[in-house]
Protein backbone atom coordinates (compact mmCIF):
# COMPACT_ATOMS: atom_id res chain seq x y z
CA MET A 1 -19.17 56.51 -46.17
CA LEU A 2 -22.03 58.27 -48.01
CA VAL A 3 -24.47 60.40 -46.01
CA GLN A 4 -27.35 57.92 -46.55
CA GLN A 5 -25.20 54.98 -45.48
CA ARG A 6 -24.19 56.95 -42.35
CA HIS A 7 -27.82 57.77 -41.57
CA THR A 8 -28.77 54.09 -41.91
CA ALA A 9 -25.90 53.08 -39.59
CA ILE A 10 -26.93 55.70 -37.02
CA LEU A 11 -30.55 54.49 -36.99
CA SER A 12 -29.48 50.86 -36.67
CA PHE A 13 -27.15 51.69 -33.74
CA VAL A 14 -29.79 53.75 -31.98
CA ARG A 15 -32.40 51.07 -32.49
CA GLU A 16 -30.17 48.28 -31.17
CA ARG A 17 -29.27 50.19 -28.00
CA GLY A 18 -32.37 52.30 -27.46
CA GLY A 19 -30.25 55.47 -27.58
CA ALA A 20 -26.79 56.79 -28.34
CA SER A 21 -24.52 59.76 -27.59
CA VAL A 22 -22.80 61.94 -30.12
CA THR A 23 -19.45 60.70 -28.88
CA ASP A 24 -20.40 57.05 -29.24
CA LEU A 25 -21.70 57.51 -32.75
CA ALA A 26 -18.68 59.59 -33.85
CA ARG A 27 -16.32 56.92 -32.53
CA ARG A 28 -18.27 54.08 -34.13
CA LEU A 29 -18.53 55.70 -37.55
CA ASP A 30 -15.09 57.29 -37.45
CA VAL A 31 -16.31 60.83 -38.20
CA SER A 32 -16.30 64.12 -36.32
CA GLU A 33 -18.85 64.94 -33.64
CA SER A 34 -19.97 67.97 -35.68
CA THR A 35 -20.81 65.60 -38.62
CA ILE A 36 -22.82 63.40 -36.24
CA ARG A 37 -24.70 66.43 -34.88
CA ARG A 38 -25.66 67.45 -38.44
CA ASP A 39 -26.80 63.89 -39.15
CA LEU A 40 -28.85 63.73 -35.99
CA ASN A 41 -30.49 67.08 -36.73
CA ALA A 42 -31.43 65.86 -40.23
CA LEU A 43 -32.86 62.57 -38.93
CA ASP A 44 -34.75 64.40 -36.22
CA ARG A 45 -36.37 66.72 -38.81
CA GLU A 46 -37.36 63.65 -40.83
CA GLY A 47 -38.99 62.15 -37.77
CA LEU A 48 -36.76 59.10 -37.81
CA LEU A 49 -35.28 59.66 -34.36
CA GLN A 50 -35.56 62.15 -31.54
CA ARG A 51 -32.76 64.39 -30.26
CA VAL A 52 -32.51 64.46 -26.47
CA ARG A 53 -30.94 66.67 -23.91
CA GLY A 54 -27.19 66.23 -23.79
CA GLY A 55 -26.80 65.84 -27.53
CA GLY A 56 -27.72 62.20 -27.99
CA ALA A 57 -30.71 60.56 -29.70
CA VAL A 58 -33.37 57.94 -29.10
CA GLU A 59 -35.55 56.00 -31.52
CA VAL A 60 -38.86 57.75 -32.22
CA ASP A 61 -40.87 54.71 -31.21
CA ASP A 62 -39.26 54.73 -27.78
CA GLN A 63 -41.13 57.87 -26.81
CA PRO A 64 -43.48 57.08 -23.91
CA PHE A 65 -46.82 55.62 -25.05
CA ALA A 66 -48.79 58.27 -23.19
CA HIS A 67 -46.90 61.02 -25.01
CA VAL A 68 -47.54 59.46 -28.45
CA ALA A 69 -51.23 59.03 -27.59
CA THR A 70 -51.70 62.79 -27.44
CA HIS A 71 -50.65 63.22 -31.06
CA TYR A 72 -53.67 63.41 -33.44
CA ALA A 73 -55.86 62.22 -30.56
CA GLU A 74 -59.11 63.45 -32.11
CA GLU A 75 -58.30 61.67 -35.41
CA LYS A 76 -57.44 58.47 -33.58
CA ASP A 77 -60.77 58.55 -31.72
CA ARG A 78 -62.65 58.99 -34.99
CA ILE A 79 -60.77 56.12 -36.55
CA GLY A 80 -61.49 53.99 -33.46
CA ALA A 81 -65.21 54.62 -33.72
CA THR A 82 -65.29 53.91 -37.45
CA ALA A 83 -63.14 50.81 -37.16
CA ALA A 84 -65.32 49.40 -34.36
CA GLY A 85 -68.29 49.74 -36.65
CA LEU A 86 -66.69 47.12 -38.96
CA VAL A 87 -66.80 44.50 -36.19
CA GLN A 88 -69.70 42.12 -36.05
CA ASP A 89 -71.15 40.52 -32.91
CA ARG A 90 -69.30 37.38 -31.82
CA ASP A 91 -66.29 38.25 -34.01
CA ILE A 92 -62.81 37.27 -32.97
CA VAL A 93 -60.91 40.59 -33.21
CA LEU A 94 -57.11 40.78 -33.32
CA LEU A 95 -55.72 44.14 -32.20
CA ASP A 96 -52.15 45.30 -32.89
CA ILE A 97 -50.08 47.47 -30.53
CA GLY A 98 -50.10 51.25 -30.80
CA THR A 99 -52.19 54.22 -29.77
CA THR A 100 -54.64 54.04 -32.68
CA CYS A 101 -55.46 50.40 -31.98
CA ALA A 102 -56.00 51.33 -28.35
CA ALA A 103 -58.61 53.83 -29.60
CA VAL A 104 -60.30 51.02 -31.52
CA ALA A 105 -60.42 48.98 -28.28
CA ARG A 106 -62.05 51.85 -26.46
CA HIS A 107 -64.93 51.80 -28.95
CA LEU A 108 -65.37 48.06 -28.65
CA ARG A 109 -66.40 48.17 -25.00
CA GLY A 110 -69.65 46.40 -24.24
CA ARG A 111 -69.59 44.30 -27.43
CA ASP A 112 -70.24 40.56 -27.53
CA ILE A 113 -66.86 39.78 -29.09
CA THR A 114 -63.49 38.17 -28.37
CA VAL A 115 -60.47 40.47 -28.50
CA VAL A 116 -56.96 39.01 -28.83
CA THR A 117 -53.97 41.32 -28.33
CA ALA A 118 -50.32 41.74 -27.31
CA SER A 119 -50.98 45.37 -26.37
CA LEU A 120 -51.12 46.26 -22.70
CA ALA A 121 -52.84 49.51 -23.66
CA VAL A 122 -55.69 47.51 -25.19
CA VAL A 123 -55.81 45.39 -22.03
CA ASP A 124 -56.16 48.62 -19.99
CA GLU A 125 -59.08 49.69 -22.16
CA LEU A 126 -60.96 46.40 -21.84
CA ARG A 127 -59.90 44.66 -18.64
CA ASN A 128 -62.93 45.80 -16.63
CA ASP A 129 -65.41 45.04 -19.43
CA ARG A 130 -67.65 42.11 -18.49
CA THR A 131 -68.97 41.58 -22.00
CA VAL A 132 -65.79 41.48 -24.09
CA GLU A 133 -63.82 38.23 -23.81
CA LEU A 134 -60.14 39.29 -23.66
CA ILE A 135 -57.22 37.06 -24.57
CA VAL A 136 -53.73 38.41 -23.90
CA LEU A 137 -50.81 37.00 -25.87
CA GLY A 138 -47.56 36.31 -24.08
CA GLY A 139 -44.10 37.61 -24.92
CA LEU A 140 -41.27 39.84 -23.97
CA LEU A 141 -42.35 43.22 -22.52
CA ARG A 142 -41.45 46.27 -24.57
CA ALA A 143 -42.21 48.68 -21.72
CA SER A 144 -41.92 52.02 -23.55
CA TYR A 145 -44.71 51.02 -25.94
CA LEU A 146 -46.80 48.77 -23.67
CA SER A 147 -46.48 45.77 -25.96
CA LEU A 148 -45.44 42.14 -25.82
CA VAL A 149 -43.09 40.98 -28.56
CA GLY A 150 -40.78 38.16 -29.58
CA SER A 151 -40.97 34.51 -30.50
CA LEU A 152 -43.64 33.63 -27.89
CA THR A 153 -46.00 36.27 -29.33
CA GLN A 154 -45.33 35.07 -32.86
CA GLN A 155 -45.95 31.43 -31.89
CA ALA A 156 -49.23 32.33 -30.22
CA LEU A 157 -50.39 34.28 -33.27
CA ALA A 158 -49.55 31.31 -35.56
CA GLN A 159 -52.17 29.26 -33.62
CA LEU A 160 -54.91 31.85 -34.06
CA SER A 161 -57.66 32.41 -36.59
CA ALA A 162 -59.41 35.76 -36.34
CA GLY A 163 -62.23 37.16 -38.37
CA ILE A 164 -60.85 40.67 -38.43
CA ALA A 165 -57.63 42.41 -37.35
CA PHE A 166 -56.65 46.01 -36.90
CA MET A 167 -53.02 46.92 -37.56
CA GLY A 168 -51.12 50.12 -36.97
CA THR A 169 -48.20 51.66 -38.87
CA SER A 170 -45.49 54.25 -38.45
CA GLY A 171 -45.87 55.40 -42.07
CA ILE A 172 -46.83 54.59 -45.63
CA ARG A 173 -44.36 55.39 -48.39
CA PRO A 174 -45.46 57.16 -51.56
CA ASP A 175 -45.16 53.78 -53.33
CA GLY A 176 -47.69 52.27 -50.88
CA THR A 177 -45.30 50.28 -48.69
CA VAL A 178 -46.57 50.00 -45.12
CA LEU A 179 -43.74 50.69 -42.67
CA ASP A 180 -42.68 50.19 -39.07
CA SER A 181 -39.83 51.77 -37.17
CA THR A 182 -39.01 48.85 -34.88
CA GLY A 183 -37.60 45.54 -35.99
CA VAL A 184 -39.24 43.50 -33.20
CA GLU A 185 -42.71 44.69 -34.25
CA VAL A 186 -42.47 43.85 -37.95
CA PRO A 187 -42.81 40.03 -37.53
CA ILE A 188 -45.70 40.62 -35.13
CA LYS A 189 -47.56 42.67 -37.75
CA GLN A 190 -46.89 40.04 -40.37
CA ALA A 191 -48.16 37.31 -38.08
CA ILE A 192 -51.30 39.37 -37.41
CA ARG A 193 -51.98 39.52 -41.14
CA ALA A 194 -51.46 35.77 -41.49
CA ALA A 195 -53.83 35.05 -38.60
CA SER A 196 -56.80 37.08 -39.83
CA GLU A 197 -59.31 36.77 -42.64
CA ARG A 198 -59.55 40.54 -42.96
CA THR A 199 -56.75 42.90 -41.99
CA CYS A 200 -57.57 46.59 -41.59
CA LEU A 201 -54.88 49.24 -41.40
CA VAL A 202 -55.72 52.17 -39.11
CA ALA A 203 -53.80 55.31 -40.06
CA THR A 204 -54.09 59.00 -39.16
CA THR A 205 -53.24 61.76 -41.65
CA ASP A 206 -49.65 62.03 -40.40
CA LYS A 207 -48.89 58.47 -41.52
CA PHE A 208 -48.84 59.57 -45.16
CA PRO A 209 -45.87 59.28 -45.50
CA GLY A 210 -45.05 59.18 -41.78
CA THR A 211 -41.76 57.55 -40.72
CA GLY A 212 -40.09 54.18 -40.67
CA LEU A 213 -37.46 52.23 -42.52
CA LEU A 214 -38.77 48.62 -42.25
CA ALA A 215 -41.25 47.26 -44.77
CA VAL A 216 -44.24 45.29 -43.42
CA CYS A 217 -46.32 44.76 -46.58
CA ALA A 218 -47.90 46.63 -49.49
CA LEU A 219 -50.99 48.71 -48.74
CA SER A 220 -52.78 46.74 -51.50
CA ASP A 221 -52.07 43.47 -49.59
CA LEU A 222 -54.58 44.57 -46.92
CA GLN A 223 -58.35 44.25 -47.18
CA THR A 224 -59.27 47.64 -45.66
CA VAL A 225 -57.72 50.97 -44.72
CA VAL A 226 -59.47 53.14 -42.10
CA THR A 227 -58.09 56.63 -42.18
CA THR A 228 -58.60 60.33 -41.67
CA ALA A 229 -56.33 61.22 -44.55
CA PRO A 230 -58.03 63.13 -47.45
CA PRO A 231 -59.30 61.03 -50.37
CA SER A 232 -56.84 62.86 -52.65
CA THR A 233 -53.88 61.24 -50.82
CA ALA A 234 -51.77 59.57 -53.52
CA GLN A 235 -51.31 56.29 -51.66
CA LEU A 236 -55.10 56.02 -51.35
CA THR A 237 -56.02 56.96 -54.86
CA ALA A 238 -53.57 54.30 -56.06
CA LEU A 239 -55.77 51.69 -54.37
CA GLU A 240 -58.66 52.23 -56.82
CA GLY A 241 -59.41 48.90 -58.47
CA SER A 242 -57.00 47.01 -56.22
CA GLY A 243 -59.64 45.29 -54.07
CA THR A 244 -58.59 47.18 -50.96
CA ASP A 245 -61.42 49.16 -49.41
CA VAL A 246 -60.76 52.65 -48.05
CA VAL A 247 -63.04 53.81 -45.20
CA TYR A 248 -62.83 57.49 -44.22
CA ALA A 249 -63.37 58.33 -40.60
């Protein structure tokens, strides 16, 4: 088995089970434990998984939400404020899961709008607001990331029509492909796009290129990108003339 094939198999196994030990991976892939340790170290450096005490690994996206929220917190807050400025009074706003979308919610407090979400973090930001009308989508709880996922969530999204949506990402490839690290979240993001007239990607500097193996859509398929990345970023300069607006926070 080639190194890249082995890495793909490791990520798939870790994603399916939420974590794996060196011993389990070595047995499954029929290689030595020292080979698995080298693979895990390489994948950890690339940000595709996280090594944990005892020699195993967990998926990056299964880090606790509160921990992820501390990363690039100031940039996320700037993006949240800028993104909220794109929302008009009485808009129906669809908010994706993730820490950056939670920052958008924080800046929507007190607005005469309707917010629809499958993110419990967004619910926490808005549940005591008496002005915002809050609609919570059902689904299966993904506790580590405070989100609701699965067929119930997708079915609910299929019935919606929102004026504007804000969507997060785990990374954007050099070729402009928007990525996610978790299979259960990809169809949710695609349903969010289908349910909204205008989909805005919110992405901090570290998302270029960020991480992730699963394609969601092309950056040019979206109407707007709200970001703190520099204008010279290749993925953003490639959008010139594409019809996708880039808004710098």
